PDB file of N, CA and C in Angstrom:
ATOM      1  N   UNK A   1       8.619 -22.337  -9.769  1.00  0.00           N
ATOM      2  CA  UNK A   1       8.020 -22.010 -10.606  1.00  0.00           C
ATOM      3  C   UNK A   1       6.479 -22.294  -9.382  1.00  0.00           C
ATOM      4  N   UNK A   2       5.613 -22.131  -9.351  1.00  0.00           N
ATOM      5  CA  UNK A   2       4.692 -22.890  -8.392  1.00  0.00           C
ATOM      6  C   UNK A   2       3.451 -23.391  -9.733  1.00  0.00           C
ATOM      7  N   UNK A   3       2.656 -24.750  -9.763  1.00  0.00           N
ATOM      8  CA  UNK A   3       1.638 -25.331 -10.432  1.00  0.00           C
ATOM      9  C   UNK A   3       0.707 -25.186  -9.493  1.00  0.00           C
ATOM     10  N   UNK A   4      -0.430 -24.717  -9.577  1.00  0.00           N
ATOM     11  CA  UNK A   4      -1.355 -25.046  -8.347  1.00  0.00           C
ATOM     12  C   UNK A   4      -2.060 -26.283  -9.226  1.00  0.00           C
ATOM     13  N   UNK A   5      -2.829 -26.691  -7.289  1.00  0.00           N
ATOM     14  CA  UNK A   5      -3.512 -27.854  -8.007  1.00  0.00           C
ATOM     15  C   UNK A   5      -4.813 -27.930  -9.448  1.00  0.00           C
ATOM     16  N   UNK A   6      -5.384 -26.733  -9.602  1.00  0.00           N
ATOM     17  CA  UNK A   6      -6.059 -26.538 -10.975  1.00  0.00           C
ATOM     18  C   UNK A   6      -5.035 -26.313 -12.149  1.00  0.00           C
ATOM     19  N   UNK A   7      -4.379 -26.953 -12.218  1.00  0.00           N
ATOM     20  CA  UNK A   7      -3.662 -26.559 -13.626  1.00  0.00           C
ATOM     21  C   UNK A   7      -2.765 -25.495 -14.425  1.00  0.00           C
ATOM     22  N   UNK A   8      -2.779 -24.173 -13.469  1.00  0.00           N
ATOM     23  CA  UNK A   8      -2.102 -23.047 -13.764  1.00  0.00           C
ATOM     24  C   UNK A   8      -1.210 -23.180 -13.215  1.00  0.00           C
ATOM     25  N   UNK A   9       0.002 -21.359 -14.319  1.00  0.00           N
ATOM     26  CA  UNK A   9       1.564 -21.369 -13.358  1.00  0.00           C
ATOM     27  C   UNK A   9       0.647 -19.996 -12.941  1.00  0.00           C
ATOM     28  N   UNK A  10       1.076 -20.010 -11.483  1.00  0.00           N
ATOM     29  CA  UNK A  10       0.761 -19.117 -10.514  1.00  0.00           C
ATOM     30  C   UNK A  10       2.249 -17.929 -11.314  1.00  0.00           C
ATOM     31  N   UNK A  11       1.741 -17.565 -11.154  1.00  0.00           N
ATOM     32  CA  UNK A  11       2.430 -15.656 -11.422  1.00  0.00           C
ATOM     33  C   UNK A  11       2.215 -14.465 -11.068  1.00  0.00           C
ATOM     34  N   UNK A  12       2.086 -14.140  -9.675  1.00  0.00           N
ATOM     35  CA  UNK A  12       1.442 -12.753  -9.309  1.00  0.00           C
ATOM     36  C   UNK A  12      -0.021 -12.581  -9.477  1.00  0.00           C
ATOM     37  N   UNK A  13      -0.940 -13.222  -9.458  1.00  0.00           N
ATOM     38  CA  UNK A  13      -2.328 -14.289  -9.475  1.00  0.00           C
ATOM     39  C   UNK A  13      -1.980 -14.549  -7.922  1.00  0.00           C
ATOM     40  N   UNK A  14      -1.730 -13.982  -7.040  1.00  0.00           N
ATOM     41  CA  UNK A  14      -2.333 -14.616  -5.712  1.00  0.00           C
ATOM     42  C   UNK A  14      -2.657 -13.982  -4.806  1.00  0.00           C
ATOM     43  N   UNK A  15      -3.021 -14.736  -3.669  1.00  0.00           N
ATOM     44  CA  UNK A  15      -3.626 -13.059  -1.729  1.00  0.00           C
ATOM     45  C   UNK A  15      -3.070 -13.398  -1.454  1.00  0.00           C
ATOM     46  N   UNK A  16      -2.604 -13.399  -0.475  1.00  0.00           N
ATOM     47  CA  UNK A  16      -1.859 -13.127   0.603  1.00  0.00           C
ATOM     48  C   UNK A  16      -2.725 -13.742   1.893  1.00  0.00           C
ATOM     49  N   UNK A  17      -2.550 -14.653   2.997  1.00  0.00           N
ATOM     50  CA  UNK A  17      -3.526 -15.634   4.274  1.00  0.00           C
ATOM     51  C   UNK A  17      -2.118 -16.020   4.771  1.00  0.00           C
ATOM     52  N   UNK A  18      -3.173 -15.831   6.296  1.00  0.00           N
ATOM     53  CA  UNK A  18      -2.523 -17.063   7.533  1.00  0.00           C
ATOM     54  C   UNK A  18      -2.980 -17.916   7.584  1.00  0.00           C
ATOM     55  N   UNK A  19      -1.942 -19.323   7.843  1.00  0.00           N
ATOM     56  CA  UNK A  19      -2.381 -20.814   8.002  1.00  0.00           C
ATOM     57  C   UNK A  19      -1.586 -20.744   9.120  1.00  0.00           C
ATOM     58  N   UNK A  20      -2.341 -21.945  10.059  1.00  0.00           N
ATOM     59  CA  UNK A  20      -2.053 -22.867  11.305  1.00  0.00           C
ATOM     60  C   UNK A  20      -0.595 -23.837  10.983  1.00  0.00           C
ATOM     61  N   UNK A  21       0.327 -23.802  10.856  1.00  0.00           N
ATOM     62  CA  UNK A  21       1.697 -24.463  10.650  1.00  0.00           C
ATOM     63  C   UNK A  21       2.160 -25.160  11.886  1.00  0.00           C
ATOM     64  N   UNK A  22       3.061 -26.347  11.697  1.00  0.00           N
ATOM     65  CA  UNK A  22       4.270 -26.993  12.171  1.00  0.00           C
ATOM     66  C   UNK A  22       4.895 -25.941  13.179  1.00  0.00           C
ATOM     67  N   UNK A  23       5.232 -24.928  12.682  1.00  0.00           N
ATOM     68  CA  UNK A  23       5.715 -23.540  12.982  1.00  0.00           C
ATOM     69  C   UNK A  23       5.589 -22.458  13.783  1.00  0.00           C
ATOM     70  N   UNK A  24       3.996 -22.166  13.414  1.00  0.00           N
ATOM     71  CA  UNK A  24       3.505 -21.319  13.977  1.00  0.00           C
ATOM     72  C   UNK A  24       2.495 -21.211  13.807  1.00  0.00           C
ATOM     73  N   UNK A  25       1.706 -21.002  15.238  1.00  0.00           N
ATOM     74  CA  UNK A  25      -0.102 -20.996  14.522  1.00  0.00           C
ATOM     75  C   UNK A  25      -0.615 -19.998  13.865  1.00  0.00           C
ATOM     76  N   UNK A  26       0.024 -18.810  13.280  1.00  0.00           N
ATOM     77  CA  UNK A  26      -0.691 -17.737  12.067  1.00  0.00           C
ATOM     78  C   UNK A  26       1.333 -18.039  11.166  1.00  0.00           C
ATOM     79  N   UNK A  27       0.843 -18.669  10.501  1.00  0.00           N
ATOM     80  CA  UNK A  27       1.829 -18.382   9.408  1.00  0.00           C
ATOM     81  C   UNK A  27       1.617 -17.687   7.925  1.00  0.00           C
ATOM     82  N   UNK A  28       2.484 -16.608   7.437  1.00  0.00           N
ATOM     83  CA  UNK A  28       1.814 -16.005   6.056  1.00  0.00           C
ATOM     84  C   UNK A  28       2.060 -16.888   4.774  1.00  0.00           C
ATOM     85  N   UNK A  29       1.924 -16.970   4.312  1.00  0.00           N
ATOM     86  CA  UNK A  29       0.888 -17.982   2.953  1.00  0.00           C
ATOM     87  C   UNK A  29       0.819 -17.326   2.074  1.00  0.00           C
ATOM     88  N   UNK A  30       0.344 -17.650   0.545  1.00  0.00           N
ATOM     89  CA  UNK A  30      -0.284 -17.373  -0.489  1.00  0.00           C
ATOM     90  C   UNK A  30      -1.493 -18.019  -1.236  1.00  0.00           C
ATOM     91  N   UNK A  31      -1.968 -17.755  -1.738  1.00  0.00           N
ATOM     92  CA  UNK A  31      -3.067 -18.490  -2.340  1.00  0.00           C
ATOM     93  C   UNK A  31      -2.874 -17.444  -3.577  1.00  0.00           C
ATOM     94  N   UNK A  32      -3.744 -18.855  -4.992  1.00  0.00           N
ATOM     95  CA  UNK A  32      -4.373 -18.577  -5.928  1.00  0.00           C
ATOM     96  C   UNK A  32      -5.909 -17.840  -6.166  1.00  0.00           C
ATOM     97  N   UNK A  33      -5.440 -16.839  -6.740  1.00  0.00           N
ATOM     98  CA  UNK A  33      -7.054 -15.975  -6.412  1.00  0.00           C
ATOM     99  C   UNK A  33      -7.834 -16.835  -7.305  1.00  0.00           C
ATOM    100  N   UNK A  34      -7.987 -17.663  -8.454  1.00  0.00           N
ATOM    101  CA  UNK A  34      -8.395 -18.378  -9.541  1.00  0.00           C
ATOM    102  C   UNK A  34      -9.443 -19.292  -9.046  1.00  0.00           C
ATOM    103  N   UNK A  35      -9.087 -20.230  -7.877  1.00  0.00           N
ATOM    104  CA  UNK A  35      -9.147 -21.151  -7.444  1.00  0.00           C
ATOM    105  C   UNK A  35      -8.939 -21.489  -6.039  1.00  0.00           C
ATOM    106  N   UNK A  36      -8.631 -20.490  -5.685  1.00  0.00           N
ATOM    107  CA  UNK A  36      -8.488 -20.029  -4.033  1.00  0.00           C
ATOM    108  C   UNK A  36      -7.504 -21.292  -3.628  1.00  0.00           C
ATOM    109  N   UNK A  37      -6.881 -22.116  -3.687  1.00  0.00           N
ATOM    110  CA  UNK A  37      -5.862 -23.221  -3.054  1.00  0.00           C
ATOM    111  C   UNK A  37      -4.529 -21.959  -3.010  1.00  0.00           C
ATOM    112  N   UNK A  38      -5.091 -22.543  -1.036  1.00  0.00           N
ATOM    113  CA  UNK A  38      -4.519 -21.899  -0.332  1.00  0.00           C
ATOM    114  C   UNK A  38      -2.898 -22.978  -0.074  1.00  0.00           C
ATOM    115  N   UNK A  39      -1.690 -22.641  -0.444  1.00  0.00           N
ATOM    116  CA  UNK A  39      -0.012 -23.383  -0.075  1.00  0.00           C
ATOM    117  C   UNK A  39       0.142 -23.434   1.611  1.00  0.00           C
ATOM    118  N   UNK A  40       0.589 -25.000   1.786  1.00  0.00           N
ATOM    119  CA  UNK A  40       2.155 -24.407   2.952  1.00  0.00           C
ATOM    120  C   UNK A  40       2.718 -25.127   2.397  1.00  0.00           C
ATOM    121  N   UNK A  41       3.881 -23.978   2.117  1.00  0.00           N
ATOM    122  CA  UNK A  41       5.502 -24.133   1.995  1.00  0.00           C
ATOM    123  C   UNK A  41       5.917 -24.754   3.658  1.00  0.00           C
ATOM    124  N   UNK A  42       5.769 -24.263   4.724  1.00  0.00           N
ATOM    125  CA  UNK A  42       6.697 -24.149   5.866  1.00  0.00           C
ATOM    126  C   UNK A  42       6.595 -26.560   5.645  1.00  0.00           C
ATOM    127  N   UNK A  43       5.203 -26.904   6.216  1.00  0.00           N
ATOM    128  CA  UNK A  43       4.555 -28.580   6.250  1.00  0.00           C
ATOM    129  C   UNK A  43       5.383 -29.474   5.256  1.00  0.00           C
ATOM    130  N   UNK A  44       6.150 -28.367   4.158  1.00  0.00           N
ATOM    131  CA  UNK A  44       6.020 -29.433   3.021  1.00  0.00           C
ATOM    132  C   UNK A  44       4.846 -30.272   2.045  1.00  0.00           C
ATOM    133  N   UNK A  45       3.958 -29.704   2.378  1.00  0.00           N
ATOM    134  CA  UNK A  45       2.542 -30.123   2.040  1.00  0.00           C
ATOM    135  C   UNK A  45       2.202 -29.352   0.397  1.00  0.00           C
ATOM    136  N   UNK A  46       3.306 -29.191  -0.395  1.00  0.00           N
ATOM    137  CA  UNK A  46       3.157 -28.786  -1.220  1.00  0.00           C
ATOM    138  C   UNK A  46       2.966 -29.490  -2.641  1.00  0.00           C
ATOM    139  N   UNK A  47       1.536 -29.807  -3.519  1.00  0.00           N
ATOM    140  CA  UNK A  47       1.390 -31.308  -4.602  1.00  0.00           C
ATOM    141  C   UNK A  47       2.213 -31.119  -5.507  1.00  0.00           C
ATOM    142  N   UNK A  48       2.078 -32.517  -5.502  1.00  0.00           N
ATOM    143  CA  UNK A  48       2.936 -32.328  -7.261  1.00  0.00           C
ATOM    144  C   UNK A  48       1.938 -33.325  -8.084  1.00  0.00           C
ATOM    145  N   UNK A  49       1.436 -32.134  -9.549  1.00  0.00           N
ATOM    146  CA  UNK A  49       0.745 -32.106 -10.093  1.00  0.00           C
ATOM    147  C   UNK A  49       1.810 -33.615 -10.786  1.00  0.00           C
ATOM    148  N   UNK A  50       0.743 -33.889 -11.485  1.00  0.00           N
ATOM    149  CA  UNK A  50       0.905 -35.435 -12.535  1.00  0.00           C
ATOM    150  C   UNK A  50      -0.019 -35.662 -13.823  1.00  0.00           C
ATOM    151  N   UNK A  51       0.229 -34.417 -15.068  1.00  0.00           N
ATOM    152  CA  UNK A  51      -0.801 -34.134 -15.669  1.00  0.00           C
ATOM    153  C   UNK A  51      -0.912 -35.597 -16.682  1.00  0.00           C
ATOM    154  N   UNK A  52      -1.675 -35.478 -17.734  1.00  0.00           N
ATOM    155  CA  UNK A  52      -1.930 -36.499 -18.920  1.00  0.00           C
ATOM    156  C   UNK A  52      -0.390 -35.070 -20.084  1.00  0.00           C
ATOM    157  N   UNK A  53      -0.276 -36.059 -21.078  1.00  0.00           N
ATOM    158  CA  UNK A  53       0.553 -35.443 -22.028  1.00  0.00           C
ATOM    159  C   UNK A  53       0.080 -34.632 -22.648  1.00  0.00           C
ATOM    160  N   UNK A  54      -1.221 -34.495 -22.775  1.00  0.00           N
ATOM    161  CA  UNK A  54      -2.319 -33.172 -23.748  1.00  0.00           C
ATOM    162  C   UNK A  54      -1.688 -32.114 -22.499  1.00  0.00           C
ATOM    163  N   UNK A  55      -2.115 -32.240 -21.929  1.00  0.00           N
ATOM    164  CA  UNK A  55      -2.561 -32.426 -20.661  1.00  0.00           C
ATOM    165  C   UNK A  55      -0.828 -31.090 -20.119  1.00  0.00           C
ATOM    166  N   UNK A  56      -0.388 -31.426 -19.795  1.00  0.00           N
ATOM    167  CA  UNK A  56       1.467 -30.490 -19.729  1.00  0.00           C
ATOM    168  C   UNK A  56       1.807 -30.329 -21.016  1.00  0.00           C
ATOM    169  N   UNK A  57       1.067 -30.204 -22.455  1.00  0.00           N
ATOM    170  CA  UNK A  57       1.588 -30.257 -23.329  1.00  0.00           C
ATOM    171  C   UNK A  57       1.209 -27.943 -23.285  1.00  0.00           C
ATOM    172  N   UNK A  58      -0.851 -28.304 -23.169  1.00  0.00           N
ATOM    173  CA  UNK A  58      -1.031 -27.119 -22.732  1.00  0.00           C
ATOM    174  C   UNK A  58      -0.624 -26.164 -21.820  1.00  0.00           C
ATOM    175  N   UNK A  59      -0.098 -26.606 -20.914  1.00  0.00           N
ATOM    176  CA  UNK A  59       0.607 -26.038 -19.942  1.00  0.00           C
ATOM    177  C   UNK A  59       2.705 -25.504 -19.777  1.00  0.00           C
ATOM    178  N   UNK A  60       2.746 -26.666 -20.871  1.00  0.00           N
ATOM    179  CA  UNK A  60       4.203 -25.615 -21.334  1.00  0.00           C
ATOM    180  C   UNK A  60       4.070 -24.879 -22.322  1.00  0.00           C
ATOM    181  N   UNK A  61       2.740 -24.819 -23.607  1.00  0.00           N
ATOM    182  CA  UNK A  61       2.781 -23.773 -23.979  1.00  0.00           C
ATOM    183  C   UNK A  61       2.441 -22.343 -23.660  1.00  0.00           C
ATOM    184  N   UNK A  62       1.454 -22.778 -22.200  1.00  0.00           N
ATOM    185  CA  UNK A  62       1.001 -21.393 -21.157  1.00  0.00           C
ATOM    186  C   UNK A  62       2.829 -21.083 -21.034  1.00  0.00           C
ATOM    187  N   UNK A  63       3.950 -21.687 -20.821  1.00  0.00           N
ATOM    188  CA  UNK A  63       4.969 -21.005 -19.892  1.00  0.00           C
ATOM    189  C   UNK A  63       5.748 -20.437 -21.587  1.00  0.00           C
ATOM    190  N   UNK A  64       5.625 -21.261 -22.284  1.00  0.00           N
ATOM    191  CA  UNK A  64       6.980 -20.516 -23.333  1.00  0.00           C
ATOM    192  C   UNK A  64       5.812 -18.807 -24.133  1.00  0.00           C
ATOM    193  N   UNK A  65       5.305 -19.359 -23.459  1.00  0.00           N
ATOM    194  CA  UNK A  65       3.795 -18.176 -24.025  1.00  0.00           C
ATOM    195  C   UNK A  65       4.416 -16.352 -22.887  1.00  0.00           C
ATOM    196  N   UNK A  66       4.406 -17.865 -21.288  1.00  0.00           N
ATOM    197  CA  UNK A  66       5.232 -16.326 -20.533  1.00  0.00           C
ATOM    198  C   UNK A  66       6.013 -16.076 -20.897  1.00  0.00           C
ATOM    199  N   UNK A  67       6.872 -16.962 -21.055  1.00  0.00           N
ATOM    200  CA  UNK A  67       8.910 -16.366 -21.178  1.00  0.00           C
ATOM    201  C   UNK A  67       9.014 -16.037 -22.915  1.00  0.00           C
ATOM    202  N   UNK A  68       8.174 -15.628 -23.944  1.00  0.00           N
ATOM    203  CA  UNK A  68       8.234 -14.712 -25.000  1.00  0.00           C
ATOM    204  C   UNK A  68       8.873 -15.695 -25.818  1.00  0.00           C
ATOM    205  N   UNK A  69       8.850 -17.567 -25.641  1.00  0.00           N
ATOM    206  CA  UNK A  69      10.069 -17.999 -26.384  1.00  0.00           C
ATOM    207  C   UNK A  69       9.843 -17.588 -28.133  1.00  0.00           C
ATOM    208  N   UNK A  70      10.497 -17.872 -28.894  1.00  0.00           N
ATOM    209  CA  UNK A  70      10.321 -17.411 -30.597  1.00  0.00           C
ATOM    210  C   UNK A  70      10.385 -19.227 -30.538  1.00  0.00           C
ATOM    211  N   UNK A  71       9.770 -19.218 -31.728  1.00  0.00           N
ATOM    212  CA  UNK A  71       8.769 -20.595 -32.707  1.00  0.00           C
ATOM    213  C   UNK A  71       9.710 -21.941 -32.902  1.00  0.00           C
ATOM    214  N   UNK A  72      11.023 -21.644 -32.852  1.00  0.00           N
ATOM    215  CA  UNK A  72      12.188 -22.489 -33.002  1.00  0.00           C
ATOM    216  C   UNK A  72      12.430 -22.785 -31.181  1.00  0.00           C
ATOM    217  N   UNK A  73      12.247 -22.462 -30.743  1.00  0.00           N
ATOM    218  CA  UNK A  73      12.412 -22.389 -28.693  1.00  0.00           C
ATOM    219  C   UNK A  73      11.567 -23.412 -28.155  1.00  0.00           C
ATOM    220  N   UNK A  74      10.040 -22.615 -28.755  1.00  0.00           N
ATOM    221  CA  UNK A  74       9.270 -23.369 -28.107  1.00  0.00           C
ATOM    222  C   UNK A  74       8.536 -24.900 -29.157  1.00  0.00           C
ATOM    223  N   UNK A  75       8.862 -25.363 -30.008  1.00  0.00           N
ATOM    224  CA  UNK A  75       9.165 -26.547 -30.819  1.00  0.00           C
ATOM    225  C   UNK A  75      10.064 -27.406 -29.918  1.00  0.00           C
ATOM    226  N   UNK A  76      11.891 -27.060 -29.876  1.00  0.00           N
ATOM    227  CA  UNK A  76      12.380 -27.656 -28.834  1.00  0.00           C
ATOM    228  C   UNK A  76      11.863 -27.947 -27.399  1.00  0.00           C
ATOM    229  N   UNK A  77      11.063 -26.620 -26.739  1.00  0.00           N
ATOM    230  CA  UNK A  77      10.772 -27.065 -25.263  1.00  0.00           C
ATOM    231  C   UNK A  77       9.606 -28.003 -25.518  1.00  0.00           C
ATOM    232  N   UNK A  78       8.260 -28.000 -27.062  1.00  0.00           N
ATOM    233  CA  UNK A  78       7.776 -28.989 -26.666  1.00  0.00           C
ATOM    234  C   UNK A  78       8.662 -30.302 -26.795  1.00  0.00           C
ATOM    235  N   UNK A  79       9.610 -30.488 -27.435  1.00  0.00           N
ATOM    236  CA  UNK A  79       9.729 -31.818 -27.442  1.00  0.00           C
ATOM    237  C   UNK A  79      10.887 -32.751 -26.254  1.00  0.00           C
ATOM    238  N   UNK A  80      11.423 -31.515 -25.689  1.00  0.00           N
ATOM    239  CA  UNK A  80      12.170 -31.516 -24.074  1.00  0.00           C
ATOM    240  C   UNK A  80      11.120 -32.416 -23.176  1.00  0.00           C
ATOM    241  N   UNK A  81       9.805 -31.250 -23.122  1.00  0.00           N
ATOM    242  CA  UNK A  81       8.559 -31.487 -22.392  1.00  0.00           C
ATOM    243  C   UNK A  81       8.067 -33.491 -22.462  1.00  0.00           C
ATOM    244  N   UNK A  82       8.365 -33.663 -23.606  1.00  0.00           N
ATOM    245  CA  UNK A  82       8.072 -34.825 -24.449  1.00  0.00           C
ATOM    246  C   UNK A  82       8.859 -36.168 -24.200  1.00  0.00           C
ATOM    247  N   UNK A  83       9.735 -35.835 -24.030  1.00  0.00           N
ATOM    248  CA  UNK A  83      10.743 -36.655 -23.574  1.00  0.00           C
ATOM    249  C   UNK A  83      11.124 -36.774 -22.248  1.00  0.00           C
ATOM    250  N   UNK A  84      11.163 -36.213 -21.692  1.00  0.00           N
ATOM    251  CA  UNK A  84      10.974 -35.917 -19.635  1.00  0.00           C
ATOM    252  C   UNK A  84       9.819 -36.798 -19.348  1.00  0.00           C
ATOM    253  N   UNK A  85       8.201 -36.694 -20.034  1.00  0.00           N
ATOM    254  CA  UNK A  85       6.774 -37.274 -19.960  1.00  0.00           C
ATOM    255  C   UNK A  85       7.252 -38.556 -19.861  1.00  0.00           C
ATOM    256  N   UNK A  86       7.717 -38.834 -20.921  1.00  0.00           N
ATOM    257  CA  UNK A  86       7.958 -40.353 -21.124  1.00  0.00           C
ATOM    258  C   UNK A  86       8.952 -40.804 -20.731  1.00  0.00           C
ATOM    259  N   UNK A  87      10.248 -40.417 -19.905  1.00  0.00           N
ATOM    260  CA  UNK A  87      10.755 -40.979 -19.627  1.00  0.00           C
ATOM    261  C   UNK A  87      10.953 -41.093 -18.234  1.00  0.00           C
ATOM    262  N   UNK A  88      10.123 -41.119 -17.433  1.00  0.00           N
ATOM    263  CA  UNK A  88       9.988 -40.908 -15.745  1.00  0.00           C
ATOM    264  C   UNK A  88       8.266 -40.664 -15.256  1.00  0.00           C
ATOM    265  N   UNK A  89       8.941 -40.628 -13.901  1.00  0.00           N
ATOM    266  CA  UNK A  89       7.792 -40.424 -13.548  1.00  0.00           C
ATOM    267  C   UNK A  89       8.056 -38.836 -12.631  1.00  0.00           C
ATOM    268  N   UNK A  90       8.109 -37.543 -13.256  1.00  0.00           N
ATOM    269  CA  UNK A  90       7.895 -36.079 -12.897  1.00  0.00           C
ATOM    270  C   UNK A  90       7.005 -36.177 -12.616  1.00  0.00           C
ATOM    271  N   UNK A  91       7.639 -34.895 -11.886  1.00  0.00           N
ATOM    272  CA  UNK A  91       6.170 -34.247 -11.188  1.00  0.00           C
ATOM    273  C   UNK A  91       5.781 -32.856 -12.762  1.00  0.00           C
ATOM    274  N   UNK A  92       4.491 -32.792 -12.478  1.00  0.00           N
ATOM    275  CA  UNK A  92       4.765 -31.251 -14.013  1.00  0.00           C
ATOM    276  C   UNK A  92       5.708 -29.942 -13.842  1.00  0.00           C
ATOM    277  N   UNK A  93       6.419 -29.549 -13.136  1.00  0.00           N
ATOM    278  CA  UNK A  93       7.012 -28.673 -12.811  1.00  0.00           C
ATOM    279  C   UNK A  93       8.337 -29.142 -12.979  1.00  0.00           C
ATOM    280  N   UNK A  94       9.046 -30.090 -12.217  1.00  0.00           N
ATOM    281  CA  UNK A  94      10.240 -30.523 -12.443  1.00  0.00           C
ATOM    282  C   UNK A  94      10.545 -31.083 -14.383  1.00  0.00           C
ATOM    283  N   UNK A  95       8.792 -31.582 -14.788  1.00  0.00           N
ATOM    284  CA  UNK A  95      10.045 -31.440 -16.357  1.00  0.00           C
ATOM    285  C   UNK A  95       9.763 -30.406 -17.553  1.00  0.00           C
ATOM    286  N   UNK A  96       9.184 -29.435 -16.400  1.00  0.00           N
ATOM    287  CA  UNK A  96       9.112 -27.856 -17.170  1.00  0.00           C
ATOM    288  C   UNK A  96      10.235 -27.469 -17.445  1.00  0.00           C
ATOM    289  N   UNK A  97      10.453 -27.316 -15.465  1.00  0.00           N
ATOM    290  CA  UNK A  97      12.266 -27.159 -15.292  1.00  0.00           C
ATOM    291  C   UNK A  97      13.428 -27.379 -15.754  1.00  0.00           C
ATOM    292  N   UNK A  98      13.396 -28.958 -15.717  1.00  0.00           N
ATOM    293  CA  UNK A  98      13.918 -29.309 -16.589  1.00  0.00           C
ATOM    294  C   UNK A  98      14.229 -29.089 -17.883  1.00  0.00           C
ATOM    295  N   UNK A  99      12.731 -29.348 -18.762  1.00  0.00           N
ATOM    296  CA  UNK A  99      13.310 -28.713 -20.158  1.00  0.00           C
ATOM    297  C   UNK A  99      13.449 -27.157 -20.248  1.00  0.00           C
ATOM    298  N   UNK A 100      13.085 -26.439 -19.852  1.00  0.00           N
ATOM    299  CA  UNK A 100      14.196 -24.534 -19.474  1.00  0.00           C
ATOM    300  C   UNK A 100      14.904 -25.066 -20.166  1.00  0.00           C
ATOM    301  N   UNK A 101      15.630 -25.160 -18.616  1.00  0.00           N
ATOM    302  CA  UNK A 101      17.602 -25.628 -18.077  1.00  0.00           C
ATOM    303  C   UNK A 101      17.813 -26.137 -19.624  1.00  0.00           C
ATOM    304  N   UNK A 102      17.048 -27.268 -20.600  1.00  0.00           N
ATOM    305  CA  UNK A 102      18.030 -27.752 -21.671  1.00  0.00           C
ATOM    306  C   UNK A 102      18.122 -27.190 -22.781  1.00  0.00           C
ATOM    307  N   UNK A 103      17.428 -25.684 -22.739  1.00  0.00           N
ATOM    308  CA  UNK A 103      17.843 -25.026 -24.002  1.00  0.00           C
ATOM    309  C   UNK A 103      18.653 -24.495 -23.749  1.00  0.00           C
TER     310      UNK A 103
END
């Protein structure tokens, strides 16, 4: 799962591009169609997004809708997201993945 700098979960909404990296002057990669952000996976320059609790819960709801959670699963998932956000300094994607695994 990739969370873009614009705060959206990227699934299939990408375009192909080529960028200069430490491995190759023309490395294939992807970009986000909505905002145009291009990802550099080779040089580990993927940014980590740290949202507020409100923004993260909105992102978690989008994630739950894409995964077709029922109402009980959504409640448990949002509680896990809230607990993980309160417990430490994890990025948004780390929180969503850990909460999903705990369901």
